[in-house]
Amino acid sequence: MIRVVVADDHHLVRQGICALLEKADDMQVIGEAANGLEAVELTAALSPDVVVMDVSMPRLDGRQAVERIKELDTNTVVIILSVHADPVLVRQLISRGAKGYLLKRSIADELPLAIRAAIQGQLFLSPAISESIMTLLATPPTSEAAQSALDLLTPREREVLQLVVEGHTNSGIAEALTISVKTVEKHRANLMAKLDVQDLPSLVRVAIQQGLVFPEA
């Protein structure tokens, strides 16, 4: 039996995914997460075979959560769900360890296939993803790409940026991450310096424009 954790911040979407997987004779949903951090914590606690995860979630987005899960002492594989067919985003997720990337409009037909493929160590991408994405995945990144804004940020700075874009205050971020407000202020200052912006609206705009975070979908 393939043991699956489903992570999506929309309750109805999670319910639909769980119902789809429960119809499969060889799959069992053993946990649900409403944000990226919960997905990592459930993976650490339950060691599922597969985590099916939305790319756009609170606390940790899909990219951050994939990295955290890969650092755990488990054999869990991750399949990403998204409405975005952005080749750069696909590459980021695959390079960070995801074994599948599905467009949400296709999951009814493709998700069980993707899960079985991932368990076998195979990479599964939605056929609807264009050849250009496949070509990009096969092309080694340039040194310029390796120095992208995303790569300049530490994991903690990316967590803070995610919460800033979601509209949390410094005190709210401090509470969510169990750090001091002063530390949050330092991270925000570092983010502004690295992304070369002078104020909060500019920080949020640049974060979205450069694909460091994605609007909710």
Protein backbone atom coordinates (compact mmCIF):
# COMPACT_ATOMS: atom_id res chain seq x y z
CA MET A 1 0.00 0.00 0.00
CA ILE A 2 1.37 3.41 -0.97
CA ARG A 3 1.09 5.79 2.01
CA VAL A 4 0.36 9.39 1.01
CA VAL A 5 0.27 12.78 2.73
CA VAL A 6 -1.75 15.49 0.95
CA ALA A 7 -0.77 19.15 1.44
CA ASP A 8 -2.89 22.03 0.15
CA ASP A 9 -4.08 25.14 1.97
CA HIS A 10 -7.55 24.91 0.40
CA HIS A 11 -9.71 22.47 2.37
CA LEU A 12 -12.01 21.56 -0.51
CA VAL A 13 -9.06 20.89 -2.80
CA ARG A 14 -7.51 18.59 -0.17
CA GLN A 15 -10.81 16.75 0.17
CA GLY A 16 -11.00 16.24 -3.58
CA ILE A 17 -7.44 14.92 -3.80
CA CYS A 18 -7.99 12.58 -0.86
CA ALA A 19 -11.21 11.25 -2.36
CA LEU A 20 -9.43 10.62 -5.66
CA LEU A 21 -6.59 8.70 -4.01
CA GLU A 22 -8.85 6.67 -1.74
CA LYS A 23 -10.47 5.21 -4.87
CA ALA A 24 -7.16 3.59 -5.79
CA ASP A 25 -6.74 0.09 -4.37
CA ASP A 26 -3.02 0.58 -3.78
CA MET A 27 -3.07 3.99 -2.02
CA GLN A 28 -3.92 5.23 1.46
CA VAL A 29 -4.02 8.85 2.63
CA ILE A 30 -2.41 8.89 6.08
CA GLY A 31 -2.29 12.64 6.71
CA GLU A 32 -3.34 16.10 5.53
CA ALA A 33 -1.48 19.40 5.82
CA ALA A 34 -2.77 22.94 5.34
CA ASN A 35 0.63 24.59 4.82
CA GLY A 36 4.19 23.75 3.88
CA LEU A 37 5.48 23.59 7.44
CA GLU A 38 2.76 21.11 8.42
CA ALA A 39 3.72 19.00 5.39
CA VAL A 40 7.33 18.83 6.60
CA GLU A 41 6.28 18.03 10.16
CA LEU A 42 3.89 15.28 9.04
CA THR A 43 6.58 13.79 6.84
CA ALA A 44 8.99 13.70 9.77
CA ALA A 45 6.37 12.08 12.00
CA LEU A 46 4.78 9.60 9.58
CA SER A 47 7.47 8.86 6.95
CA PRO A 48 4.94 8.58 4.08
CA ASP A 49 5.96 7.11 0.76
CA VAL A 50 4.70 10.17 -1.11
CA VAL A 51 3.78 13.77 -0.32
CA VAL A 52 1.41 15.39 -2.82
CA MET A 53 1.86 19.11 -2.34
CA ASP A 54 0.59 22.39 -3.76
CA VAL A 55 3.40 24.74 -4.78
CA SER A 56 1.70 27.87 -3.35
CA MET A 57 1.15 27.50 0.38
CA PRO A 58 1.55 29.55 3.56
CA ARG A 59 4.49 29.25 5.96
CA LEU A 60 6.69 27.34 3.50
CA ASP A 61 6.03 27.27 -0.23
CA GLY A 62 6.54 24.13 -2.30
CA ARG A 63 10.19 24.82 -3.03
CA GLN A 64 11.09 25.36 0.60
CA ALA A 65 9.07 22.36 1.75
CA VAL A 66 10.67 20.05 -0.83
CA GLU A 67 14.12 21.03 0.41
CA ARG A 68 13.14 20.44 4.04
CA ILE A 69 11.64 17.04 3.22
CA LYS A 70 14.75 15.99 1.30
CA GLU A 71 16.82 16.77 4.39
CA LEU A 72 14.78 14.37 6.52
CA ASP A 73 15.90 10.80 7.15
CA THR A 74 13.09 9.29 5.07
CA ASN A 75 12.63 7.87 1.59
CA THR A 76 9.63 10.12 0.96
CA VAL A 77 9.19 11.46 -2.56
CA VAL A 78 7.33 14.67 -3.39
CA ILE A 79 4.91 15.39 -6.21
CA ILE A 80 4.08 19.04 -6.85
CA LEU A 81 0.66 20.33 -7.92
CA SER A 82 0.38 23.76 -9.52
CA VAL A 83 -1.65 25.96 -11.83
CA HIS A 84 1.63 27.44 -13.09
CA ALA A 85 3.28 25.97 -16.19
CA ASP A 86 6.31 28.24 -15.79
CA PRO A 87 9.43 26.37 -16.97
CA VAL A 88 11.66 28.15 -14.47
CA LEU A 89 9.39 27.10 -11.62
CA VAL A 90 9.32 23.50 -12.88
CA ARG A 91 13.09 23.43 -13.01
CA GLN A 92 13.41 24.86 -9.52
CA LEU A 93 11.15 22.19 -8.07
CA ILE A 94 12.77 19.29 -9.91
CA SER A 95 16.29 20.49 -9.07
CA ARG A 96 15.31 20.63 -5.42
CA GLY A 97 14.18 17.00 -5.44
CA ALA A 98 10.53 16.83 -6.55
CA LYS A 99 9.76 13.63 -8.50
CA GLY A 100 6.66 14.94 -10.22
CA TYR A 101 5.05 18.17 -11.37
CA LEU A 102 1.37 18.13 -12.32
CA LEU A 103 -0.93 20.87 -13.51
CA LYS A 104 -3.98 20.98 -11.25
CA ARG A 105 -6.39 20.75 -14.15
CA SER A 106 -4.95 17.30 -14.97
CA ILE A 107 -4.74 15.62 -11.57
CA ALA A 108 -7.91 13.52 -11.95
CA ASP A 109 -6.26 11.59 -14.79
CA GLU A 110 -2.59 11.92 -13.90
CA LEU A 111 -2.10 11.90 -10.12
CA PRO A 112 -2.37 8.13 -9.49
CA LEU A 113 -0.03 7.52 -12.44
CA ALA A 114 2.43 10.09 -11.12
CA ILE A 115 2.44 8.55 -7.65
CA ARG A 116 3.14 5.06 -8.99
CA ALA A 117 5.89 6.42 -11.24
CA ALA A 118 7.52 8.35 -8.39
CA ILE A 119 7.58 5.25 -6.19
CA GLN A 120 9.53 3.54 -8.98
CA GLY A 121 12.03 6.40 -9.02
CA GLN A 122 10.71 7.88 -12.25
CA LEU A 123 10.10 11.58 -12.92
CA PHE A 124 6.52 12.36 -13.98
CA LEU A 125 5.52 15.65 -15.62
CA SER A 126 2.08 16.53 -16.94
CA PRO A 127 2.01 15.91 -20.70
CA ALA A 128 0.38 19.34 -20.99
CA ILE A 129 3.71 20.86 -19.99
CA SER A 130 5.32 22.00 -23.21
CA GLU A 131 8.46 20.67 -24.90
CA SER A 132 10.20 23.91 -24.01
CA ILE A 133 9.97 22.98 -20.34
CA MET A 134 11.39 19.54 -21.02
CA THR A 135 14.25 21.13 -22.96
CA LEU A 136 14.93 23.58 -20.16
CA LEU A 137 15.04 20.75 -17.62
CA ALA A 138 17.61 18.95 -19.76
CA THR A 139 19.82 22.03 -20.12
CA PRO A 140 22.38 22.67 -17.36
CA PRO A 141 21.78 26.01 -15.65
CA THR A 142 24.18 28.81 -16.48
CA SER A 143 26.34 30.44 -13.84
CA GLU A 144 24.10 33.51 -14.10
CA ALA A 145 21.02 31.43 -13.32
CA ALA A 146 22.82 29.88 -10.36
CA GLN A 147 23.18 33.40 -8.96
CA SER A 148 19.46 34.12 -9.24
CA ALA A 149 17.73 36.07 -6.53
CA LEU A 150 16.29 32.87 -5.07
CA ASP A 151 19.75 31.38 -4.62
CA LEU A 152 20.97 34.52 -2.87
CA LEU A 153 18.49 34.07 -0.02
CA THR A 154 19.02 31.83 2.98
CA PRO A 155 16.24 29.35 3.90
CA ARG A 156 15.25 31.55 6.85
CA GLU A 157 15.14 34.68 4.68
CA ARG A 158 12.87 32.85 2.25
CA GLU A 159 10.56 31.88 5.12
CA VAL A 160 10.43 35.50 6.28
CA LEU A 161 9.82 36.70 2.71
CA GLN A 162 6.94 34.25 2.30
CA LEU A 163 5.28 35.57 5.46
CA VAL A 164 5.94 39.20 4.52
CA VAL A 165 4.21 38.70 1.17
CA GLU A 166 1.29 37.01 2.95
CA GLY A 167 0.85 40.25 4.92
CA HIS A 168 2.12 39.23 8.36
CA THR A 169 3.51 41.88 10.70
CA ASN A 170 6.97 41.65 12.24
CA SER A 171 5.47 40.42 15.50
CA GLY A 172 3.34 37.88 13.65
CA ILE A 173 6.39 36.59 11.77
CA ALA A 174 8.37 36.41 14.99
CA GLU A 175 5.65 34.34 16.63
CA ALA A 176 5.23 32.04 13.62
CA LEU A 177 8.97 31.32 13.35
CA THR A 178 9.72 31.44 17.11
CA ILE A 179 12.30 34.16 16.75
CA SER A 180 12.57 37.71 18.11
CA VAL A 181 11.08 40.77 16.43
CA LYS A 182 14.61 42.19 16.24
CA THR A 183 15.73 39.12 14.29
CA VAL A 184 12.78 39.51 11.92
CA GLU A 185 13.75 43.14 11.33
CA LYS A 186 17.30 42.04 10.54
CA HIS A 187 16.06 39.46 8.03
CA ARG A 188 13.81 42.05 6.37
CA ALA A 189 16.75 44.46 6.09
CA ASN A 190 18.86 41.70 4.52
CA LEU A 191 16.06 40.88 2.07
CA MET A 192 15.77 44.51 0.99
CA ALA A 193 19.54 44.77 0.54
CA LYS A 194 19.82 41.54 -1.47
CA LEU A 195 16.83 42.35 -3.67
CA ASP A 196 17.87 46.03 -3.97
CA VAL A 197 14.60 47.58 -2.79
CA GLN A 198 13.89 50.41 -0.38
CA ASP A 199 10.42 49.73 1.00
CA LEU A 200 7.93 46.96 1.77
CA PRO A 201 5.68 47.38 -1.31
CA SER A 202 8.74 47.14 -3.55
CA LEU A 203 9.93 44.04 -1.69
CA VAL A 204 6.58 42.31 -2.25
CA ARG A 205 6.44 43.36 -5.91
CA VAL A 206 9.98 42.15 -6.68
CA ALA A 207 9.40 38.88 -4.82
CA ILE A 208 6.40 38.11 -7.04
CA GLN A 209 7.97 39.40 -10.27
CA GLN A 210 11.10 37.27 -9.79
CA GLY A 211 9.14 34.17 -8.88
CA LEU A 212 10.38 34.03 -5.28
CA VAL A 213 6.79 33.58 -4.19
CA PHE A 214 3.60 32.94 -6.13
CA PRO A 215 0.12 34.43 -5.65
CA GLU A 216 -2.45 32.08 -4.23
CA ALA A 217 -4.30 30.08 -6.87
